[in-house]
Protein backbone atom coordinates (compact mmCIF):
# COMPACT_ATOMS: atom_id res chain seq x y z
CA UNK A 1 -88.08 101.95 -116.46
CA UNK A 2 -84.37 102.21 -115.88
CA UNK A 3 -83.20 105.51 -114.53
CA UNK A 4 -79.29 106.08 -114.25
CA UNK A 5 -77.58 109.25 -112.92
CA UNK A 6 -73.94 107.72 -112.70
CA UNK A 7 -71.99 110.98 -112.83
CA UNK A 8 -69.10 108.72 -113.71
CA UNK A 9 -66.15 109.84 -115.66
CA UNK A 10 -65.44 107.56 -118.55
CA UNK A 11 -61.65 108.43 -118.81
CA UNK A 12 -59.95 105.38 -117.83
CA UNK A 13 -56.88 107.31 -116.62
CA UNK A 14 -59.18 109.12 -113.92
CA UNK A 15 -57.04 110.95 -111.40
CA UNK A 16 -53.59 110.70 -112.96
CA UNK A 17 -54.98 112.42 -116.13
CA UNK A 18 -56.81 115.12 -114.20
CA UNK A 19 -53.55 115.82 -112.36
CA UNK A 20 -51.58 115.82 -115.58
CA UNK A 21 -54.12 118.16 -117.10
CA UNK A 22 -53.74 120.72 -114.24
CA UNK A 23 -50.11 120.45 -114.44
CA UNK A 24 -50.25 120.94 -118.02
CA UNK A 25 -52.73 123.82 -117.96
CA UNK A 26 -50.33 125.55 -115.42
CA UNK A 27 -47.44 125.46 -117.95
CA UNK A 28 -49.18 125.51 -121.13
CA UNK A 29 -49.34 129.39 -121.95
CA UNK A 30 -46.57 131.52 -122.79
CA UNK A 31 -48.85 134.94 -121.90
CA UNK A 32 -48.16 135.87 -118.31
CA UNK A 33 -51.36 136.53 -116.08
CA UNK A 34 -50.85 139.43 -113.97
CA UNK A 35 -54.65 140.41 -113.20
CA UNK A 36 -53.82 143.90 -114.74
CA UNK A 37 -56.54 143.37 -117.20
CA UNK A 38 -59.15 143.39 -114.26
CA UNK A 39 -57.85 146.46 -112.59
CA UNK A 40 -60.30 149.17 -111.43
CA UNK A 41 -59.15 151.48 -114.25
CA UNK A 42 -57.93 149.96 -117.55
CA UNK A 43 -56.22 151.83 -120.33
CA UNK A 44 -55.57 150.95 -123.85
CA UNK A 45 -53.19 152.63 -126.02
CA UNK A 46 -53.26 152.33 -129.99
CA UNK A 47 -50.45 154.11 -131.71
CA UNK A 48 -50.91 154.41 -135.50
CA UNK A 49 -48.72 156.46 -137.99
CA UNK A 50 -50.90 159.80 -137.77
CA UNK A 51 -52.63 159.18 -134.41
CA UNK A 52 -52.69 157.88 -131.09
CA UNK A 53 -56.08 156.68 -129.38
CA UNK A 54 -56.32 156.19 -125.86
CA UNK A 55 -59.48 154.24 -124.47
CA UNK A 56 -60.06 154.41 -120.68
CA UNK A 57 -62.36 152.46 -118.57
CA UNK A 58 -62.47 154.35 -115.38
CA UNK A 59 -63.76 152.74 -112.13
CA UNK A 60 -65.90 155.12 -109.85
CA UNK A 61 -63.10 154.63 -107.07
CA UNK A 62 -60.59 156.30 -109.67
CA UNK A 63 -62.74 159.24 -110.78
CA UNK A 64 -61.12 161.73 -108.60
CA UNK A 65 -57.81 160.53 -110.07
CA UNK A 66 -58.85 161.65 -113.49
CA UNK A 67 -60.71 164.67 -112.79
CA UNK A 68 -59.14 166.70 -115.64
CA UNK A 69 -60.54 164.36 -118.12
CA UNK A 70 -64.18 164.94 -116.59
CA UNK A 71 -63.56 168.60 -116.99
CA UNK A 72 -63.21 168.00 -120.64
CA UNK A 73 -59.58 168.92 -121.02
CA UNK A 74 -57.42 166.06 -121.76
CA UNK A 75 -54.41 168.48 -122.32
CA UNK A 76 -54.25 169.18 -118.43
CA UNK A 77 -53.60 165.31 -117.91
CA UNK A 78 -49.78 165.92 -118.75
CA UNK A 79 -48.97 167.13 -115.26
CA UNK A 80 -49.24 163.64 -114.03
CA UNK A 81 -51.41 164.73 -111.02
CA UNK A 82 -55.03 164.67 -112.61
CA UNK A 83 -54.91 162.15 -115.46
CA UNK A 84 -52.89 159.80 -117.52
CA UNK A 85 -50.62 162.00 -119.30
CA UNK A 86 -48.49 161.38 -122.62
CA UNK A 87 -45.36 163.24 -123.67
CA UNK A 88 -42.97 162.91 -126.71
CA UNK A 89 -38.99 162.36 -126.54
CA UNK A 90 -38.48 165.91 -125.75
CA UNK A 91 -40.90 165.71 -122.86
CA UNK A 92 -43.40 167.81 -124.28
CA UNK A 93 -47.10 166.87 -123.48
CA UNK A 94 -49.24 165.60 -126.21
CA UNK A 95 -52.71 167.46 -126.58
CA UNK A 96 -55.52 165.33 -126.90
CA UNK A 97 -59.30 165.64 -127.68
CA UNK A 98 -61.76 164.00 -125.88
CA UNK A 99 -64.04 162.10 -128.38
CA UNK A 100 -66.18 160.18 -126.46
CA UNK A 101 -67.20 160.28 -122.52
CA UNK A 102 -70.07 158.11 -121.48
CA UNK A 103 -70.90 155.46 -118.74
CA UNK A 104 -70.77 151.86 -120.02
CA UNK A 105 -70.54 148.25 -118.55
CA UNK A 106 -67.20 147.10 -118.01
CA UNK A 107 -65.80 145.21 -120.96
CA UNK A 108 -65.33 141.27 -120.31
CA UNK A 109 -61.71 140.47 -120.74
CA UNK A 110 -59.63 137.49 -120.45
CA UNK A 111 -56.04 136.27 -121.30
CA UNK A 112 -54.62 132.91 -122.47
CA UNK A 113 -54.21 131.40 -118.99
CA UNK A 114 -57.19 133.18 -117.27
CA UNK A 115 -60.26 132.97 -119.80
CA UNK A 116 -63.24 135.55 -118.97
CA UNK A 117 -65.99 134.00 -116.94
CA UNK A 118 -68.73 134.18 -119.40
CA UNK A 119 -70.11 137.32 -118.26
CA UNK A 120 -69.38 141.07 -117.93
CA UNK A 121 -66.83 141.49 -115.30
CA UNK A 122 -68.69 142.10 -112.04
CA UNK A 123 -71.54 143.61 -114.07
CA UNK A 124 -70.40 146.93 -112.84
CA UNK A 125 -70.37 150.46 -114.48
CA UNK A 126 -67.58 152.40 -115.52
CA UNK A 127 -66.80 155.79 -117.31
CA UNK A 128 -65.59 155.14 -121.10
CA UNK A 129 -63.46 157.93 -122.28
CA UNK A 130 -61.77 158.04 -125.61
CA UNK A 131 -59.10 160.52 -126.29
CA UNK A 132 -57.54 160.86 -129.79
CA UNK A 133 -54.09 162.69 -130.37
CA UNK A 134 -53.27 163.68 -133.67
CA UNK A 135 -49.58 163.18 -134.52
CA UNK A 136 -47.98 166.01 -136.80
CA UNK A 137 -44.51 164.24 -136.47
CA UNK A 138 -43.78 160.78 -135.39
CA UNK A 139 -42.16 160.90 -131.67
CA UNK A 140 -39.15 158.54 -131.18
CA UNK A 141 -40.48 157.88 -127.65
CA UNK A 142 -43.63 158.27 -125.49
CA UNK A 143 -43.78 158.62 -121.94
CA UNK A 144 -46.81 157.38 -120.35
CA UNK A 145 -47.39 158.98 -116.69
CA UNK A 146 -50.18 157.79 -114.38
CA UNK A 147 -52.03 160.25 -112.20
CA UNK A 148 -50.21 160.67 -108.91
CA UNK A 149 -50.80 162.34 -105.85
CA UNK A 150 -48.97 165.53 -104.90
CA UNK A 151 -45.32 164.73 -104.14
CA UNK A 152 -45.86 160.90 -104.81
CA UNK A 153 -44.26 158.61 -107.27
CA UNK A 154 -46.95 155.90 -107.26
CA UNK A 155 -49.97 156.01 -109.33
CA UNK A 156 -53.06 157.33 -107.60
CA UNK A 157 -55.15 154.78 -109.33
CA UNK A 158 -55.00 151.20 -110.12
CA UNK A 159 -54.36 151.03 -113.87
CA UNK A 160 -54.14 148.02 -116.02
CA UNK A 161 -52.73 148.92 -119.41
CA UNK A 162 -51.78 147.27 -122.86
CA UNK A 163 -50.25 149.17 -125.62
CA UNK A 164 -50.45 148.46 -129.35
CA UNK A 165 -48.12 149.70 -132.22
CA UNK A 166 -49.48 149.57 -135.61
CA UNK A 167 -51.67 146.61 -134.16
CA UNK A 168 -48.64 144.74 -132.81
CA UNK A 169 -49.10 144.40 -128.93
CA UNK A 170 -45.94 146.00 -127.31
CA UNK A 171 -46.83 144.19 -123.78
CA UNK A 172 -48.97 141.85 -122.31
CA UNK A 173 -51.58 143.54 -119.89
CA UNK A 174 -49.21 145.18 -117.23
CA UNK A 175 -49.87 147.50 -114.41
CA UNK A 176 -49.15 151.34 -114.81
CA UNK A 177 -47.59 152.32 -111.41
CA UNK A 178 -45.11 154.99 -112.50
CA UNK A 179 -44.03 157.01 -115.69
CA UNK A 180 -42.95 154.47 -118.29
CA UNK A 181 -40.99 155.22 -121.61
CA UNK A 182 -41.74 153.45 -124.68
CA UNK A 183 -39.25 153.58 -127.52
CA UNK A 184 -40.85 153.45 -130.95
CA UNK A 185 -39.56 151.78 -133.90
CA UNK A 186 -41.18 153.25 -136.69
CA UNK A 187 -39.41 151.53 -139.35
CA UNK A 188 -40.53 148.07 -137.82
CA UNK A 189 -43.01 148.39 -134.90
CA UNK A 190 -42.23 144.60 -134.10
CA UNK A 191 -39.26 146.18 -132.14
CA UNK A 192 -40.88 149.01 -130.27
CA UNK A 193 -40.13 148.51 -126.38
CA UNK A 194 -40.35 150.02 -123.25
CA UNK A 195 -37.20 150.90 -121.53
CA UNK A 196 -38.38 149.01 -118.18
CA UNK A 197 -37.45 145.19 -119.15
CA UNK A 198 -40.51 144.08 -117.13
CA UNK A 199 -42.78 145.59 -119.51
CA UNK A 200 -42.65 143.38 -122.73
CA UNK A 201 -44.68 140.71 -124.34
CA UNK A 202 -43.92 136.88 -124.37
CA UNK A 203 -44.47 136.53 -128.14
CA UNK A 204 -41.56 139.00 -128.82
CA UNK A 205 -39.37 136.92 -131.22
CA UNK A 206 -40.06 137.04 -134.88
CA UNK A 207 -39.78 133.45 -135.23
CA UNK A 208 -40.79 130.61 -132.85
CA UNK A 209 -41.13 127.00 -133.28
CA UNK A 210 -42.83 124.33 -131.17
CA UNK A 211 -42.42 120.45 -131.32
CA UNK A 212 -45.34 118.53 -130.18
CA UNK A 213 -45.21 114.77 -129.64
CA UNK A 214 -48.27 112.80 -128.91
CA UNK A 215 -49.06 109.11 -129.19
CA UNK A 216 -50.20 109.02 -132.99
CA UNK A 217 -48.94 112.47 -134.14
CA UNK A 218 -45.67 114.59 -134.05
CA UNK A 219 -46.19 118.20 -134.95
CA UNK A 220 -43.54 120.75 -135.73
CA UNK A 221 -45.26 124.26 -135.74
CA UNK A 222 -43.65 127.61 -136.90
CA UNK A 223 -44.65 131.22 -136.25
CA UNK A 224 -42.71 133.63 -138.48
CA UNK A 225 -43.34 137.36 -139.81
CA UNK A 226 -43.70 137.89 -143.19
CA UNK A 227 -41.13 140.43 -143.17
CA UNK A 228 -38.64 137.94 -141.31
CA UNK A 229 -39.65 135.11 -143.89
CA UNK A 230 -38.80 137.79 -146.83
CA UNK A 231 -35.07 137.01 -145.92
CA UNK A 232 -35.34 133.50 -147.15
CA UNK A 233 -38.05 133.64 -149.99
CA UNK A 234 -39.46 136.26 -152.27
CA UNK A 235 -42.72 137.65 -150.88
CA UNK A 236 -43.78 140.61 -153.16
CA UNK A 237 -47.19 142.43 -152.45
CA UNK A 238 -48.71 145.57 -154.10
CA UNK A 239 -49.44 147.51 -150.86
CA UNK A 240 -47.49 146.47 -147.92
CA UNK A 241 -49.54 148.50 -145.67
CA UNK A 242 -52.74 146.59 -146.78
CA UNK A 243 -52.33 143.13 -147.99
CA UNK A 244 -55.54 142.15 -149.91
CA UNK A 245 -57.22 138.94 -149.46
CA UNK A 246 -56.15 137.69 -152.95
CA UNK A 247 -52.60 138.29 -152.05
CA UNK A 248 -52.95 136.72 -148.55
CA UNK A 249 -54.24 133.56 -150.41
CA UNK A 250 -51.24 133.51 -152.83
CA UNK A 251 -48.75 134.25 -150.05
CA UNK A 252 -50.40 131.13 -148.35
CA UNK A 253 -49.83 128.80 -150.94
CA UNK A 254 -46.21 129.40 -151.49
CA UNK A 255 -45.46 129.45 -147.56
CA UNK A 256 -46.85 126.29 -146.79
CA UNK A 257 -44.92 124.37 -149.57
CA UNK A 258 -41.69 126.22 -148.92
CA UNK A 259 -41.58 124.67 -145.30
CA UNK A 260 -42.71 121.35 -146.50
CA UNK A 261 -39.76 121.28 -148.62
CA UNK A 262 -37.47 122.25 -145.70
CA UNK A 263 -38.56 119.40 -143.57
CA UNK A 264 -35.82 118.17 -141.14
CA UNK A 265 -37.99 116.06 -138.80
CA UNK A 266 -36.65 112.62 -138.06
CA UNK A 267 -38.94 110.20 -135.83
CA UNK A 268 -36.88 107.05 -134.59
CA UNK A 269 -34.09 107.93 -136.88
CA UNK A 270 -35.88 107.84 -140.07
CA UNK A 271 -36.96 111.09 -142.28
CA UNK A 272 -40.81 111.11 -141.90
CA UNK A 273 -43.07 112.55 -144.70
CA UNK A 274 -45.11 115.59 -143.37
CA UNK A 275 -48.67 116.54 -144.27
CA UNK A 276 -49.24 120.28 -144.39
CA UNK A 277 -51.87 120.33 -141.43
CA UNK A 278 -52.30 124.12 -141.69
CA UNK A 279 -51.06 127.36 -142.76
CA UNK A 280 -52.82 130.80 -141.99
CA UNK A 281 -52.23 134.24 -140.79
CA UNK A 282 -52.40 134.81 -137.10
CA UNK A 283 -52.13 137.64 -134.70
CA UNK A 284 -50.94 138.15 -130.96
CA UNK A 285 -53.41 139.05 -128.60
CA UNK A 286 -53.95 138.91 -124.74
CA UNK A 287 -55.58 135.67 -125.25
CA UNK A 288 -52.39 134.38 -126.85
CA UNK A 289 -52.09 133.53 -130.78
CA UNK A 290 -55.45 133.89 -132.46
CA UNK A 291 -56.19 133.27 -136.38
CA UNK A 292 -56.75 136.63 -138.19
CA UNK A 293 -59.92 137.49 -139.03
CA UNK A 294 -61.16 138.01 -142.81
CA UNK A 295 -61.92 141.52 -142.19
CA UNK A 296 -58.60 142.48 -140.25
CA UNK A 297 -55.99 144.42 -141.86
CA UNK A 298 -52.90 142.58 -142.71
CA UNK A 299 -49.70 144.42 -143.15
CA UNK A 300 -46.19 143.24 -144.26
CA UNK A 301 -44.42 144.05 -141.11
CA UNK A 302 -47.04 143.10 -138.79
CA UNK A 303 -48.12 139.87 -140.69
CA UNK A 304 -47.53 136.62 -138.84
CA UNK A 305 -47.74 133.34 -140.41
CA UNK A 306 -48.48 130.09 -138.61
CA UNK A 307 -47.47 126.93 -140.12
CA UNK A 308 -48.26 123.26 -138.81
CA UNK A 309 -46.55 120.19 -140.33
CA UNK A 310 -47.92 116.92 -138.93
CA UNK A 311 -46.29 113.40 -138.95
CA UNK A 312 -48.33 110.34 -138.33
CA UNK A 313 -47.19 107.60 -136.28
CA UNK A 314 -48.28 104.14 -135.33
CA UNK A 315 -47.69 104.78 -131.56
CA UNK A 316 -45.46 106.78 -129.07
CA UNK A 317 -42.30 107.50 -130.74
CA UNK A 318 -38.69 106.69 -129.00
CA UNK A 319 -36.96 109.80 -130.37
CA UNK A 320 -37.89 112.76 -132.55
CA UNK A 321 -35.26 115.22 -133.89
CA UNK A 322 -36.08 118.39 -135.82
CA UNK A 323 -33.38 120.78 -137.33
CA UNK A 324 -33.67 124.47 -137.93
CA UNK A 325 -31.44 126.43 -140.37
CA UNK A 326 -33.02 129.92 -140.69
CA UNK A 327 -30.61 132.28 -139.13
CA UNK A 328 -29.13 135.67 -140.24
CA UNK A 329 -27.49 138.77 -138.48
CA UNK A 330 -30.56 139.71 -136.75
CA UNK A 331 -32.12 136.27 -136.14
CA UNK A 332 -29.34 134.65 -133.84
CA UNK A 333 -31.44 132.72 -131.70
CA UNK A 334 -34.87 131.16 -132.23
CA UNK A 335 -36.85 130.48 -129.10
CA UNK A 336 -38.28 126.92 -129.14
CA UNK A 337 -40.50 124.50 -126.96
CA UNK A 338 -40.70 120.79 -126.99
CA UNK A 339 -43.95 119.64 -125.65
CA UNK A 340 -45.11 115.96 -124.54
CA UNK A 341 -48.10 114.77 -122.61
CA UNK A 342 -46.55 115.73 -119.36
CA UNK A 343 -43.86 118.58 -119.81
CA UNK A 344 -42.81 121.62 -121.80
CA UNK A 345 -39.14 122.09 -122.25
CA UNK A 346 -37.92 125.55 -123.31
CA UNK A 347 -34.96 125.62 -125.62
CA UNK A 348 -33.10 128.20 -127.85
CA UNK A 349 -32.00 127.42 -131.31
CA UNK A 350 -29.01 128.77 -132.60
CA UNK A 351 -26.46 128.29 -135.43
CA UNK A 352 -24.21 126.28 -133.13
CA UNK A 353 -27.09 124.17 -131.78
CA UNK A 354 -29.75 124.14 -134.38
CA UNK A 355 -31.16 120.87 -133.16
CA UNK A 356 -34.48 119.88 -131.05
CA UNK A 357 -34.12 116.58 -129.61
CA UNK A 358 -36.82 114.59 -127.79
CA UNK A 359 -36.37 111.25 -126.26
CA UNK A 360 -39.19 109.20 -124.71
CA UNK A 361 -38.18 109.24 -121.17
CA UNK A 362 -41.89 108.29 -120.47
CA UNK A 363 -41.39 104.68 -119.68
CA UNK A 364 -43.55 104.62 -116.44
CA UNK A 365 -46.15 106.87 -117.88
CA UNK A 366 -49.30 105.47 -119.29
CA UNK A 367 -49.88 107.32 -122.41
CA UNK A 368 -53.58 108.08 -123.30
CA UNK A 369 -53.15 105.43 -126.10
CA UNK A 370 -56.64 104.67 -127.63
CA UNK A 371 -57.93 101.26 -126.51
CA UNK A 372 -60.97 100.09 -128.45
CA UNK A 373 -62.27 96.78 -127.16
CA UNK A 374 -65.54 95.11 -128.17
CA UNK A 375 -67.97 95.01 -125.44
CA UNK A 376 -69.43 91.57 -125.39
CA UNK A 377 -73.07 90.80 -124.87
CA UNK A 378 -74.67 88.03 -122.86
CA UNK A 379 -77.60 86.33 -124.34
CA UNK A 380 -80.50 87.42 -122.27
CA UNK A 381 -83.62 85.22 -122.43
CA UNK A 382 -82.39 83.13 -125.44
CA UNK A 383 -81.53 79.77 -126.20
CA UNK A 384 -78.52 78.95 -128.05
CA UNK A 385 -79.41 76.05 -130.47
CA UNK A 386 -76.62 73.94 -131.67
CA UNK A 387 -78.02 73.17 -135.02
CA UNK A 388 -75.23 71.36 -136.73
CA UNK A 389 -74.77 69.00 -133.73
CA UNK A 390 -78.71 68.30 -133.75
CA UNK A 391 -78.78 67.72 -137.46
CA UNK A 392 -76.15 65.24 -137.04
CA UNK A 393 -77.96 63.42 -134.20
CA UNK A 394 -80.79 63.24 -136.17
CA UNK A 395 -78.98 61.84 -139.12
CA UNK A 396 -77.65 59.12 -136.57
CA UNK A 397 -81.14 58.23 -135.71
CA UNK A 398 -82.27 58.00 -139.22
CA UNK A 399 -79.33 55.77 -139.93
CA UNK A 400 -80.35 53.39 -137.15
CA UNK A 401 -83.95 53.30 -138.14
CA UNK A 402 -82.97 52.86 -142.10
CA UNK A 403 -80.37 50.77 -141.64
CA UNK A 404 -82.02 47.61 -141.10
CA UNK A 405 -84.16 48.42 -144.34
CA UNK A 406 -81.21 48.96 -146.26
CA UNK A 407 -79.78 45.85 -144.83
CA UNK A 408 -76.67 47.42 -143.74
CA UNK A 409 -74.38 45.23 -141.64
CA UNK A 410 -74.43 45.95 -138.02
CA UNK A 411 -70.77 46.67 -137.85
CA UNK A 412 -70.85 49.27 -140.75
CA UNK A 413 -74.12 50.68 -139.33
CA UNK A 414 -72.53 51.25 -135.73
CA UNK A 415 -69.45 52.66 -137.13
CA UNK A 416 -71.28 55.22 -139.17
CA UNK A 417 -73.41 56.12 -136.39
CA UNK A 418 -70.38 56.32 -134.12
CA UNK A 419 -68.59 58.80 -136.37
CA UNK A 420 -71.68 60.78 -136.77
CA UNK A 421 -71.99 61.01 -133.19
CA UNK A 422 -68.38 62.03 -132.65
CA UNK A 423 -68.58 64.57 -135.18
CA UNK A 424 -71.75 65.95 -133.36
CA UNK A 425 -69.76 66.30 -130.37
CA UNK A 426 -66.97 68.10 -131.90
CA UNK A 427 -69.05 70.82 -133.50
CA UNK A 428 -71.27 71.46 -130.56
CA UNK A 429 -69.49 74.70 -129.58
CA UNK A 430 -69.96 75.90 -133.11
CA UNK A 431 -72.60 77.37 -135.40
CA UNK A 432 -75.26 77.74 -132.73
CA UNK A 433 -78.42 79.58 -133.50
CA UNK A 434 -79.79 82.01 -130.83
CA UNK A 435 -83.76 81.97 -130.49
CA UNK A 436 -85.88 83.58 -128.07
CA UNK A 437 -86.95 81.32 -125.13
CA UNK A 438 -90.70 81.53 -125.09
CA UNK A 439 -90.90 80.67 -121.61
CA UNK A 440 -88.63 83.24 -120.30
CA UNK A 441 -89.89 86.81 -119.13
CA UNK A 442 -88.99 89.89 -121.14
CA UNK A 443 -85.57 90.60 -121.16
CA UNK A 444 -84.05 93.52 -118.86
CA UNK A 445 -80.53 94.73 -118.89
CA UNK A 446 -79.41 95.21 -115.07
CA UNK A 447 -78.63 98.78 -114.21
CA UNK A 448 -75.04 98.31 -113.43
CA UNK A 449 -74.57 96.50 -116.78
CA UNK A 450 -76.22 99.20 -118.83
CA UNK A 451 -74.18 101.92 -117.29
CA UNK A 452 -70.94 100.24 -118.18
CA UNK A 453 -72.23 99.55 -121.82
CA UNK A 454 -73.17 102.89 -122.40
CA UNK A 455 -69.87 104.26 -120.90
CA UNK A 456 -68.06 101.86 -122.97
CA UNK A 457 -69.70 102.62 -126.07
CA UNK A 458 -69.58 106.38 -125.93
CA UNK A 459 -65.83 106.02 -124.55
CA UNK A 460 -64.92 103.91 -127.65
CA UNK A 461 -66.88 106.34 -129.96
CA UNK A 462 -64.79 109.15 -128.85
CA UNK A 463 -61.38 107.24 -128.47
CA UNK A 464 -61.53 106.45 -132.09
CA UNK A 465 -60.83 109.99 -133.22
CA UNK A 466 -57.63 109.90 -131.34
CA UNK A 467 -56.31 107.96 -134.51
CA UNK A 468 -55.24 110.27 -137.21
CA UNK A 469 -55.98 108.54 -140.55
CA UNK A 470 -59.58 108.15 -141.94
CA UNK A 471 -59.19 104.25 -142.42
CA UNK A 472 -58.07 103.90 -138.80
CA UNK A 473 -60.76 105.93 -137.60
CA UNK A 474 -63.45 103.79 -139.69
CA UNK A 475 -62.01 100.65 -138.17
CA UNK A 476 -62.05 101.58 -134.76
CA UNK A 477 -65.72 103.09 -135.02
CA UNK A 478 -66.78 99.75 -136.39
CA UNK A 479 -66.04 97.84 -133.39
CA UNK A 480 -68.63 99.75 -131.46
CA UNK A 481 -70.96 101.20 -134.21
CA UNK A 482 -72.93 99.71 -136.98
CA UNK A 483 -73.67 100.15 -140.68
CA UNK A 484 -74.44 103.65 -141.96
CA UNK A 485 -74.21 105.05 -138.44
CA UNK A 486 -70.55 104.81 -138.61
CA UNK A 487 -70.30 107.23 -141.59
CA UNK A 488 -72.89 109.64 -139.91
CA UNK A 489 -70.93 109.48 -136.72
CA UNK A 490 -67.68 110.09 -138.48
CA UNK A 491 -68.67 113.09 -140.55
CA UNK A 492 -70.94 114.67 -137.45
CA UNK A 493 -67.89 114.20 -134.86
CA UNK A 494 -65.46 115.65 -137.07
CA UNK A 495 -67.60 118.57 -137.32
CA UNK A 496 -68.39 119.00 -133.96
CA UNK A 497 -64.85 118.71 -132.74
CA UNK A 498 -63.54 121.58 -135.06
CA UNK A 499 -63.07 124.74 -133.17
CA UNK A 500 -63.56 127.56 -135.53
CA UNK A 501 -62.21 130.12 -133.32
CA UNK A 502 -58.77 128.40 -133.46
CA UNK A 503 -58.55 128.24 -137.26
CA UNK A 504 -60.49 125.09 -137.69
CA UNK A 505 -58.43 122.91 -135.53
CA UNK A 506 -59.84 119.67 -134.32
CA UNK A 507 -60.12 119.21 -130.63
CA UNK A 508 -58.85 115.97 -129.01
CA UNK A 509 -61.36 114.81 -126.59
CA UNK A 510 -59.72 114.29 -123.08
CA UNK A 511 -62.77 113.32 -121.01
CA UNK A 512 -66.25 111.86 -121.52
CA UNK A 513 -68.94 111.95 -118.72
CA UNK A 514 -72.13 110.13 -119.14
CA UNK A 515 -74.61 112.33 -116.71
CA UNK A 516 -78.06 110.68 -117.39
CA UNK A 517 -79.46 107.54 -119.02
CA UNK A 518 -82.97 106.50 -118.65
CA UNK A 519 -84.40 103.54 -120.78
CA UNK A 520 -87.25 104.24 -122.97
CA UNK A 521 -90.06 101.83 -123.17
CA UNK A 522 -89.67 98.07 -123.18
CA UNK A 523 -86.81 96.06 -124.74
CA UNK A 524 -87.49 95.45 -128.55
CA UNK A 525 -86.64 92.34 -130.60
CA UNK A 526 -83.07 90.82 -130.21
CA UNK A 527 -82.31 92.83 -127.09
CA UNK A 528 -82.63 96.06 -128.69
CA UNK A 529 -82.53 98.89 -126.02
CA UNK A 530 -83.15 102.66 -126.42
CA UNK A 531 -82.11 105.14 -123.71
CA UNK A 532 -82.34 108.79 -123.28
CA UNK A 533 -78.75 109.95 -122.39
CA UNK A 534 -77.00 113.13 -121.43
CA UNK A 535 -73.30 113.14 -121.65
CA UNK A 536 -70.77 115.92 -121.63
CA UNK A 537 -67.08 115.95 -123.30
CA UNK A 538 -64.04 118.00 -122.62
CA UNK A 539 -61.75 118.52 -125.60
CA UNK A 540 -58.49 120.50 -126.16
CA UNK A 541 -56.48 122.04 -129.07
CA UNK A 542 -52.94 122.47 -128.39
CA UNK A 543 -50.93 124.78 -130.56
CA UNK A 544 -48.73 127.76 -130.73
CA UNK A 545 -47.65 126.72 -127.00
CA UNK A 546 -51.00 127.25 -126.00
CA UNK A 547 -54.08 124.92 -124.81
CA UNK A 548 -57.51 125.83 -125.70
CA UNK A 549 -60.40 123.93 -124.15
CA UNK A 550 -63.87 123.37 -125.19
CA UNK A 551 -66.68 121.59 -123.37
CA UNK A 552 -69.93 120.40 -125.08
CA UNK A 553 -72.82 118.70 -123.66
CA UNK A 554 -75.28 116.50 -125.67
CA UNK A 555 -78.79 114.91 -125.33
CA UNK A 556 -79.82 111.85 -127.69
CA UNK A 557 -81.79 109.04 -127.89
CA UNK A 558 -79.35 105.92 -128.11
CA UNK A 559 -80.24 102.56 -129.24
CA UNK A 560 -77.92 99.74 -128.59
CA UNK A 561 -78.19 95.95 -129.46
CA UNK A 562 -76.14 92.83 -129.67
CA UNK A 563 -74.52 92.32 -132.90
CA UNK A 564 -72.49 89.04 -133.19
CA UNK A 565 -72.35 88.81 -129.56
CA UNK A 566 -71.12 92.41 -129.19
CA UNK A 567 -72.91 95.40 -128.04
CA UNK A 568 -73.02 98.27 -130.64
CA UNK A 569 -74.77 101.61 -131.32
CA UNK A 570 -77.47 101.09 -134.03
CA UNK A 571 -79.15 104.28 -133.70
CA UNK A 572 -78.54 107.78 -132.35
CA UNK A 573 -80.97 110.71 -132.61
CA UNK A 574 -79.44 113.93 -131.23
CA UNK A 575 -81.85 116.07 -129.17
CA UNK A 576 -79.74 119.00 -127.94
CA UNK A 577 -76.48 120.24 -128.35
CA UNK A 578 -74.98 122.88 -126.05
CA UNK A 579 -71.51 124.36 -125.79
CA UNK A 580 -70.56 124.96 -122.15
CA UNK A 581 -68.51 127.99 -120.80
């Protein structure tokens, strides 16, 4: 029984890729991580047309600072000493009504650059308070005042806060340390902003573009507001404050082709034909850009469309350019980012400089280009029978024996025999037939060789999906997989690599680790070997300037066998599949 615990990464780039991944992760997110969402007290303020809702999670250490709320009088909080106060542009305090006050577990929160740890933060209890402020008029500004000690300017509690105006986040999570004033744009909440320039969100531009350059694919990604897009194409909806599902579908059907027709991407100097990889409605969250859920409300002024145009390339390009032409009186600059395997380069597109240009300066960088090599199989406990040469040798013997009976002249007989024997020597390396050696012991694959073969076959299977066209993927799978199993693996991997939470994007596998491998039973016929294996993959989806990671672990019975002197997967029976945090 063979038992292997290699704990060996299959990725050929090893430490280099690890360092690159760490570098890339560090720069991949446009959302700044401040740690404010993990404060002792967290405040979430949602401003709608007719009300303001304040949700507080108050840590035990901050209860004294919010004494007014615990006394059941939210209006007292306007003095800035006993609670979080709200006042309008005239300085008048807003009176709120406490709707909920109860102990709860602290909410798990994460950002794009700091994902949640997979459990309730610290497992701690907080006091959850929900206060509703009914609006009789829409204030031009709101001032948020944290609880402060008598005579002090700084907050008496550590408060992390986030503010939404009509579902649009005005800021990323920040600390509320002193009174802050928010200017409200009721005509277009996208432009509501705090007077303090340090309090803002990163995704604040109404248009953003991203140019991704990968070994086999170039992508031009666009984020654009519906209200902004309406400056260049007619977008009509029945109710701008609630776009129904049918209208959403019709809008997407028009937005995608619109940008396909505006294609201005050139690869290595030639215009390339794009594929509409994806068009969907998205939203801004503390976790970055996320797909809009079907049940979520979409409005005309908050709606954000994401468009991805993909360009298939045979390998790493030398140069890529992308031109942008959508500017107007309000859109005078479009923030863009060029992203390749090792860097992110920010750039502002303007009417005077409307072109993104990427030049391949990675001559010394080893692209993670998929290498699919057949894994040679050595004959084990077998005899290679050179049957053509043996038949020719038998023919020479027969000719020698029958030549006299047929009364062939000696010179002709010897010449014919010589020709046959020379031919036998020439074809000796060809047409061999492998047969089991009856005198040899049962075949056993050496441990080290088994590790290398299983690693190589798993690596080749996942590397095949680095290619983009279906025919290329099938061709590369056929190097390491046999028969109908090719289709099964193609379909199943396509399904398993899809990240539904990212709008159905397919993850690119960055790393494969074979964790355990144990041979099951004796070898079968023709060196057929079965192993119970456990392996782990790490995949990423890169879009909208963010990197989203997924880790899956699998357990399966894998059967391998030499086919035409090449090791291949001939059967795969999945036992368990788990998504890891």
